[in-house]
Amino acid sequence: VSTFLTDKLEFQKTKQAVAVHVPCSSKKLKLENQFESLVAKCAEDVVPTGVPCCGMAGDRGFRYPELTGGALQHLNLPSQIKDAYSTSRTCECSLSQHSDVHFRSVLHLLDDSARPKSSSSSSH
């Protein structure tokens, strides 16, 4: 989305404060800033989860829940956070299970907050 669609979309900040979790694979690709700046187009305040890894290790955390329990024992999101986003379904499952917040794909936020630019505002 950031690479191919950002310049083709109009954004509206539809959320006050949201949490974001950047999956390990995206961190290794150094995509944190790209992900957080995309979310910042849709929300007033973007709060990183503060955990380096959710412990899912792909889907391994489903079979060994102690992995996610240990990795997320210090997860402590501010009370004003009602919406949270990531780009990995297994991370979203783990983070939702260990917090009072439902983590969803960032595509849900984009669906709420972004629209195609009108033909009069886009250059040809």
Foldseek 3Di string as FASTA:
>chain_A
DLVPPPLQKQWDQPEAEEEEEEAPVCVVVVCVVVVQVVVVSHYVYYHYQPFNHQQCPQPVCVVVVVRNCVRCVPRDDDPVHAEYEYQDPNSQVSVVVSDVHRYDHCVVSCVVTIDGDDPVPDDD
